[in-house]
Amino acid sequence: MRHAVFEVAITLIPLLLLWGLMWLSLDVSYWLTLLLAVPAAGFMVRLFIIQHDCGHGAFFRQRAANSWLGRALGVLTLTPYDYWKHNHAIHHTTSSNLDRRGIGDIDLLTVDEYKRKSWWGRLAYRCYRSPPVMFVIGPAYMFFVQHRLPVHQMRDGWKPWISTMATNAGIVLVVVGMSWLVGIGPFLKVHVPIMMLSASMGVWLFYVQHQFEGVEWARAPGWSHHDAALKGGSFYDLPALLRWFSGNIGIHHIHHLNSRIPYYRLPSALRDHPELHAVGRLTLWDSLKSVKLSLWCENSGKLVSFKAARRG
């Protein structure tokens, strides 16, 4: 409990201080404000990782503590906790399963599925997989718009609606309160860049953890949770500072093996199992090259680019 509270403090307090500095910098230069938004977004990503661990029941030992902290953080991350927790649980049980795509993951087509689509369908998919949409427009849409309704759970009863509507109400209270305190214009100038950057950072991390050169996807008969974790998740070996801001979530293969390990224990788990250090390892440079991989080729058993698929 003490360590968990400490992790919240060293994430939330610097974020609030940076927010205040950004507000003060508006009278100096908006370029300075945007510069300060970069570390602020890093702390927002780290806050989301705490919420993520709450969803796995890994942050606190007490279930109620995880739930209430997760719900409170959801107001700051624009992510309804209980709704997101359900979708993310599906992601963990279907990761890298070609027969169970569509919830809690990034859309991925096989080469054959892509070729069977109409001209318009292929164009739409290429736009979806383009970097501006995948890492800028898409993240903004997901956190600002999509999370305002229980998408994929519209007919699952009242719980998803309570989660999303309660979070929306909390967001409205925060926006109204901060707008009254600093003004609507300054509030938007400070907070929107933070959320835009953190949303893009978060989607990027999620992308490279499951869409990289060497990843393996399988059909249901040959799919297993163990193989999906070790062959379908990467070890994103980031520099120390980026690893800290991302809450060690780059050690994703171990996280998928055991999601009850809190993020601050993942480095210890990796040290205790050195044989996993080379499994799915990606450097920062390696991850940049994964952007062009957009289709799964079932014949070759690997991700390929549109250009490679066109060449057959």
Protein backbone atom coordinates (compact mmCIF):
# COMPACT_ATOMS: atom_id res chain seq x y z
CA MET A 1 0.00 0.00 0.00
CA ARG A 2 2.74 2.48 0.98
CA HIS A 3 4.70 1.92 -2.23
CA ALA A 4 1.56 2.27 -4.34
CA VAL A 5 0.62 5.58 -2.68
CA PHE A 6 4.19 6.79 -3.27
CA GLU A 7 3.90 5.92 -6.98
CA VAL A 8 0.68 7.94 -7.24
CA ALA A 9 2.29 10.91 -5.46
CA ILE A 10 5.43 11.06 -7.63
CA THR A 11 3.21 10.96 -10.73
CA LEU A 12 0.26 13.18 -9.84
CA ILE A 13 2.09 15.96 -7.96
CA PRO A 14 4.61 16.70 -10.75
CA LEU A 15 1.75 16.65 -13.27
CA LEU A 16 -0.16 19.28 -11.27
CA LEU A 17 2.97 21.40 -10.86
CA LEU A 18 3.70 21.25 -14.59
CA TRP A 19 0.08 22.16 -15.31
CA GLY A 20 0.48 25.24 -13.13
CA LEU A 21 3.76 26.18 -14.84
CA MET A 22 2.11 25.83 -18.25
CA TRP A 23 -0.68 28.15 -17.14
CA LEU A 24 1.83 30.73 -15.89
CA SER A 25 3.87 30.41 -19.10
CA LEU A 26 0.90 31.57 -21.18
CA ASP A 27 1.92 35.13 -20.33
CA VAL A 28 5.47 34.46 -21.52
CA SER A 29 5.27 32.34 -24.69
CA TYR A 30 2.89 29.69 -25.94
CA TRP A 31 5.87 27.87 -27.39
CA LEU A 32 7.15 27.47 -23.83
CA THR A 33 3.70 26.21 -22.83
CA LEU A 34 3.81 23.56 -25.56
CA LEU A 35 7.35 22.59 -24.56
CA LEU A 36 6.21 22.00 -20.99
CA ALA A 37 3.31 19.93 -22.34
CA VAL A 38 5.76 17.18 -23.35
CA PRO A 39 6.85 16.14 -19.81
CA ALA A 40 3.30 16.80 -18.56
CA ALA A 41 2.00 14.33 -21.15
CA GLY A 42 4.61 11.84 -19.96
CA PHE A 43 3.22 12.05 -16.43
CA MET A 44 -0.31 11.67 -17.81
CA VAL A 45 0.78 8.45 -19.57
CA ARG A 46 2.23 7.23 -16.28
CA LEU A 47 -1.07 8.05 -14.58
CA PHE A 48 -2.84 5.91 -17.18
CA ILE A 49 -0.47 3.03 -16.42
CA ILE A 50 -1.50 3.27 -12.77
CA GLN A 51 -5.15 3.13 -13.84
CA HIS A 52 -4.25 0.19 -16.08
CA ASP A 53 -2.72 -1.71 -13.16
CA CYS A 54 -5.79 -0.96 -11.05
CA GLY A 55 -7.86 -2.61 -13.79
CA HIS A 56 -5.76 -5.77 -13.43
CA GLY A 57 -6.08 -5.72 -9.64
CA ALA A 58 -2.32 -5.29 -9.48
CA PHE A 59 -1.78 -1.85 -7.99
CA PHE A 60 -3.33 -2.36 -4.54
CA ARG A 61 -4.05 -5.62 -2.78
CA GLN A 62 -7.56 -4.43 -1.98
CA ARG A 63 -10.05 -4.72 -4.82
CA ALA A 64 -12.05 -1.69 -3.65
CA ALA A 65 -8.93 0.49 -3.53
CA ASN A 66 -8.06 -0.48 -7.11
CA SER A 67 -11.59 0.23 -8.30
CA TRP A 68 -12.01 3.64 -6.70
CA LEU A 69 -8.56 4.90 -7.63
CA GLY A 70 -9.09 3.64 -11.17
CA ARG A 71 -12.42 5.45 -11.43
CA ALA A 72 -10.96 8.69 -10.08
CA LEU A 73 -8.01 8.55 -12.48
CA GLY A 74 -10.42 7.85 -15.33
CA VAL A 75 -11.70 11.41 -15.01
CA LEU A 76 -8.16 12.71 -15.58
CA THR A 77 -7.28 10.26 -18.37
CA LEU A 78 -10.72 10.60 -20.05
CA THR A 79 -11.08 6.83 -19.79
CA PRO A 80 -14.15 5.27 -18.07
CA TYR A 81 -12.55 2.75 -15.74
CA ASP A 82 -15.07 -0.11 -15.57
CA TYR A 83 -15.92 0.12 -19.28
CA TRP A 84 -12.24 0.15 -20.26
CA LYS A 85 -11.40 -2.63 -17.79
CA HIS A 86 -13.90 -4.95 -19.51
CA ASN A 87 -12.57 -4.24 -23.00
CA HIS A 88 -8.97 -4.60 -21.86
CA ALA A 89 -9.71 -7.96 -20.24
CA ILE A 90 -10.98 -9.14 -23.63
CA HIS A 91 -7.72 -7.91 -25.17
CA HIS A 92 -5.73 -10.09 -22.77
CA THR A 93 -7.77 -13.18 -23.62
CA THR A 94 -7.69 -12.64 -27.39
CA SER A 95 -4.31 -11.01 -28.04
CA SER A 96 -2.71 -12.29 -31.28
CA ASN A 97 -5.76 -14.46 -32.02
CA LEU A 98 -6.76 -13.98 -35.66
CA ASP A 99 -10.21 -15.43 -35.00
CA ARG A 100 -11.03 -13.02 -32.16
CA ARG A 101 -10.03 -9.55 -33.35
CA GLY A 102 -11.99 -6.36 -32.90
CA ILE A 103 -12.26 -5.47 -29.20
CA GLY A 104 -9.49 -3.81 -27.22
CA ASP A 105 -6.97 -4.01 -30.04
CA ILE A 106 -5.82 -2.18 -33.17
CA ASP A 107 -7.58 -3.31 -36.34
CA LEU A 108 -5.44 -5.66 -38.40
CA LEU A 109 -6.36 -7.32 -41.68
CA THR A 110 -4.76 -10.33 -43.29
CA VAL A 111 -3.44 -9.96 -46.83
CA ASP A 112 -6.32 -12.04 -48.20
CA GLU A 113 -8.94 -10.01 -46.29
CA TYR A 114 -7.42 -6.80 -47.61
CA LYS A 115 -7.41 -8.02 -51.20
CA ARG A 116 -11.05 -9.09 -50.99
CA LYS A 117 -12.16 -5.61 -49.96
CA SER A 118 -13.54 -3.09 -52.43
CA TRP A 119 -11.43 -0.21 -53.66
CA TRP A 120 -13.09 2.02 -51.05
CA GLY A 121 -12.51 -0.53 -48.29
CA ARG A 122 -8.82 -0.81 -49.12
CA LEU A 123 -8.48 2.98 -49.19
CA ALA A 124 -10.22 3.30 -45.81
CA TYR A 125 -7.92 0.70 -44.26
CA ARG A 126 -4.80 2.36 -45.70
CA CYS A 127 -5.95 5.68 -44.24
CA TYR A 128 -6.63 4.03 -40.89
CA ARG A 129 -3.12 2.54 -40.81
CA SER A 130 -1.40 5.76 -41.91
CA PRO A 131 0.72 7.44 -39.17
CA PRO A 132 -1.31 10.71 -39.08
CA VAL A 133 -4.53 8.79 -38.44
CA MET A 134 -3.07 6.01 -36.29
CA PHE A 135 -1.01 8.21 -33.97
CA VAL A 136 -2.65 11.67 -34.08
CA ILE A 137 -6.28 11.73 -35.27
CA GLY A 138 -7.17 8.25 -34.00
CA PRO A 139 -5.93 8.73 -30.42
CA ALA A 140 -7.66 12.11 -30.17
CA TYR A 141 -10.92 10.60 -31.43
CA MET A 142 -10.68 7.63 -29.05
CA PHE A 143 -10.02 9.60 -25.85
CA PHE A 144 -12.13 12.70 -26.57
CA VAL A 145 -15.08 11.12 -28.42
CA GLN A 146 -15.22 7.30 -28.41
CA HIS A 147 -14.77 6.98 -24.64
CA ARG A 148 -17.83 9.15 -24.03
CA LEU A 149 -20.10 6.20 -24.91
CA PRO A 150 -19.75 2.48 -24.02
CA VAL A 151 -18.79 1.38 -27.54
CA HIS A 152 -18.88 -2.47 -27.92
CA GLN A 153 -20.99 -2.61 -24.74
CA MET A 154 -24.06 -0.60 -25.76
CA ARG A 155 -26.40 -3.54 -25.06
CA ASP A 156 -24.60 -5.05 -22.08
CA GLY A 157 -26.87 -3.56 -19.43
CA TRP A 158 -26.55 -0.52 -17.21
CA LYS A 159 -23.00 -1.02 -15.85
CA PRO A 160 -21.10 0.22 -18.96
CA TRP A 161 -23.43 3.21 -19.13
CA ILE A 162 -22.91 4.04 -15.46
CA SER A 163 -19.14 3.85 -15.95
CA THR A 164 -19.06 6.14 -18.98
CA MET A 165 -21.71 8.61 -17.81
CA ALA A 166 -20.21 8.93 -14.31
CA THR A 167 -16.80 9.58 -15.85
CA ASN A 168 -18.34 12.14 -18.23
CA ALA A 169 -19.98 13.87 -15.28
CA GLY A 170 -16.66 13.98 -13.45
CA ILE A 171 -14.95 15.43 -16.53
CA VAL A 172 -17.63 18.13 -16.82
CA LEU A 173 -17.14 19.09 -13.16
CA VAL A 174 -13.37 19.34 -13.62
CA VAL A 175 -13.70 21.38 -16.81
CA VAL A 176 -16.26 23.74 -15.30
CA GLY A 177 -14.23 24.14 -12.11
CA MET A 178 -10.94 24.78 -13.90
CA SER A 179 -12.61 27.11 -16.40
CA TRP A 180 -14.04 29.13 -13.51
CA LEU A 181 -10.62 29.19 -11.85
CA VAL A 182 -8.34 30.06 -14.79
CA GLY A 183 -10.75 30.78 -17.68
CA ILE A 184 -11.98 28.50 -20.44
CA GLY A 185 -9.43 29.77 -22.98
CA PRO A 186 -6.33 29.26 -20.80
CA PHE A 187 -7.66 25.91 -19.60
CA LEU A 188 -8.03 24.60 -23.15
CA LYS A 189 -4.66 26.01 -24.21
CA VAL A 190 -2.98 24.11 -21.40
CA HIS A 191 -4.95 20.89 -21.14
CA VAL A 192 -5.72 20.02 -24.76
CA PRO A 193 -2.00 19.74 -25.75
CA ILE A 194 -1.34 17.54 -22.73
CA MET A 195 -4.18 15.18 -23.62
CA MET A 196 -3.37 15.15 -27.34
CA LEU A 197 0.27 14.26 -26.70
CA SER A 198 -0.46 11.69 -24.01
CA ALA A 199 -3.12 10.02 -26.16
CA SER A 200 -0.66 9.70 -29.05
CA MET A 201 2.05 8.40 -26.74
CA GLY A 202 -0.31 5.84 -25.25
CA VAL A 203 -1.52 4.54 -28.61
CA TRP A 204 2.07 4.37 -29.86
CA LEU A 205 3.07 2.23 -26.88
CA PHE A 206 0.09 -0.08 -27.37
CA TYR A 207 0.83 -0.33 -31.10
CA VAL A 208 4.48 -1.38 -30.83
CA GLN A 209 3.68 -3.89 -28.09
CA HIS A 210 1.65 -6.02 -30.49
CA GLN A 211 2.53 -4.91 -34.03
CA PHE A 212 6.22 -5.39 -34.70
CA GLU A 213 8.56 -7.38 -36.88
CA GLY A 214 8.75 -10.91 -35.51
CA VAL A 215 5.32 -10.91 -33.85
CA GLU A 216 3.23 -14.05 -34.28
CA TRP A 217 -0.54 -14.29 -34.74
CA ALA A 218 -2.46 -17.57 -34.86
CA ARG A 219 -5.87 -19.01 -35.58
CA ALA A 220 -7.89 -20.30 -32.65
CA PRO A 221 -6.89 -24.01 -32.79
CA GLY A 222 -3.20 -23.16 -32.53
CA TRP A 223 -3.55 -20.18 -30.19
CA SER A 224 -2.52 -20.31 -26.53
CA HIS A 225 -2.22 -17.64 -23.85
CA HIS A 226 1.42 -18.53 -23.17
CA ASP A 227 2.45 -18.30 -26.82
CA ALA A 228 0.43 -15.11 -27.31
CA ALA A 229 2.32 -13.49 -24.42
CA LEU A 230 5.81 -14.51 -25.52
CA LYS A 231 5.32 -14.37 -29.29
CA GLY A 232 2.58 -11.76 -29.57
CA GLY A 233 3.96 -9.17 -27.15
CA SER A 234 7.17 -7.22 -27.38
CA PHE A 235 9.86 -6.28 -24.91
CA TYR A 236 10.16 -2.59 -25.77
CA ASP A 237 13.64 -1.89 -24.42
CA LEU A 238 13.45 1.87 -23.99
CA PRO A 239 16.01 4.26 -22.51
CA ALA A 240 15.70 4.58 -18.72
CA LEU A 241 13.82 7.91 -18.69
CA LEU A 242 11.24 6.77 -21.24
CA ARG A 243 10.91 3.44 -19.43
CA TRP A 244 10.07 5.33 -16.22
CA PHE A 245 7.47 7.60 -17.85
CA SER A 246 5.84 4.61 -19.59
CA GLY A 247 5.60 2.67 -16.34
CA ASN A 248 7.74 -0.21 -17.62
CA ILE A 249 4.82 -1.27 -19.80
CA GLY A 250 7.38 -2.02 -22.52
CA ILE A 251 8.12 -5.23 -20.61
CA HIS A 252 4.90 -6.32 -22.18
CA HIS A 253 5.54 -10.00 -22.71
CA ILE A 254 5.92 -10.52 -18.95
CA HIS A 255 2.87 -8.33 -18.31
CA HIS A 256 0.81 -10.62 -20.56
CA LEU A 257 2.23 -13.71 -18.86
CA ASN A 258 1.14 -12.39 -15.46
CA SER A 259 -0.95 -9.21 -15.44
CA ARG A 260 -1.06 -9.18 -11.62
CA ILE A 261 2.55 -7.97 -11.44
CA PRO A 262 2.47 -4.19 -10.77
CA TYR A 263 4.41 -2.08 -13.22
CA TYR A 264 7.06 -1.14 -10.67
CA ARG A 265 7.89 -4.87 -10.18
CA LEU A 266 8.24 -5.73 -13.88
CA PRO A 267 11.99 -4.87 -14.07
CA SER A 268 12.63 -7.23 -11.14
CA ALA A 269 10.65 -9.96 -12.88
CA LEU A 270 12.73 -9.48 -16.01
CA ARG A 271 15.97 -9.66 -14.00
CA ASP A 272 14.79 -12.86 -12.34
CA HIS A 273 14.17 -14.43 -15.77
CA PRO A 274 17.10 -13.39 -18.01
CA GLU A 275 15.98 -15.89 -20.65
CA LEU A 276 13.11 -13.50 -21.45
CA HIS A 277 15.39 -10.54 -22.12
CA ALA A 278 15.84 -11.39 -25.80
CA VAL A 279 12.23 -12.45 -26.42
CA GLY A 280 10.48 -9.97 -28.72
CA ARG A 281 13.06 -7.30 -27.90
CA LEU A 282 12.60 -3.98 -29.68
CA THR A 283 14.84 -0.95 -29.48
CA LEU A 284 13.50 2.54 -30.11
CA TRP A 285 14.91 2.41 -33.65
CA ASP A 286 13.41 -1.03 -34.29
CA SER A 287 9.98 0.24 -33.26
CA LEU A 288 10.06 3.08 -35.78
CA LYS A 289 10.49 0.56 -38.59
CA SER A 290 7.34 -1.30 -37.52
CA VAL A 291 5.06 1.52 -38.70
CA LYS A 292 5.11 0.27 -42.29
CA LEU A 293 3.90 -3.23 -41.28
CA SER A 294 0.14 -3.16 -41.80
CA LEU A 295 -1.05 -6.62 -42.91
CA TRP A 296 -0.71 -10.16 -41.61
CA CYS A 297 0.42 -12.65 -44.23
CA GLU A 298 -0.84 -16.10 -43.28
CA ASN A 299 1.33 -17.76 -45.93
CA SER A 300 4.61 -16.40 -44.57
CA GLY A 301 3.44 -16.03 -40.96
CA LYS A 302 4.58 -12.45 -40.52
CA LEU A 303 3.50 -8.82 -40.71
CA VAL A 304 4.14 -7.22 -44.07
CA SER A 305 3.81 -3.81 -45.66
CA PHE A 306 1.26 -2.83 -48.30
CA LYS A 307 4.11 -2.78 -50.80
CA ALA A 308 5.20 -6.33 -49.96
CA ALA A 309 1.60 -7.56 -50.13
CA ARG A 310 1.18 -5.98 -53.56
CA ARG A 311 4.29 -7.79 -54.77
CA GLY A 312 2.84 -11.07 -53.51
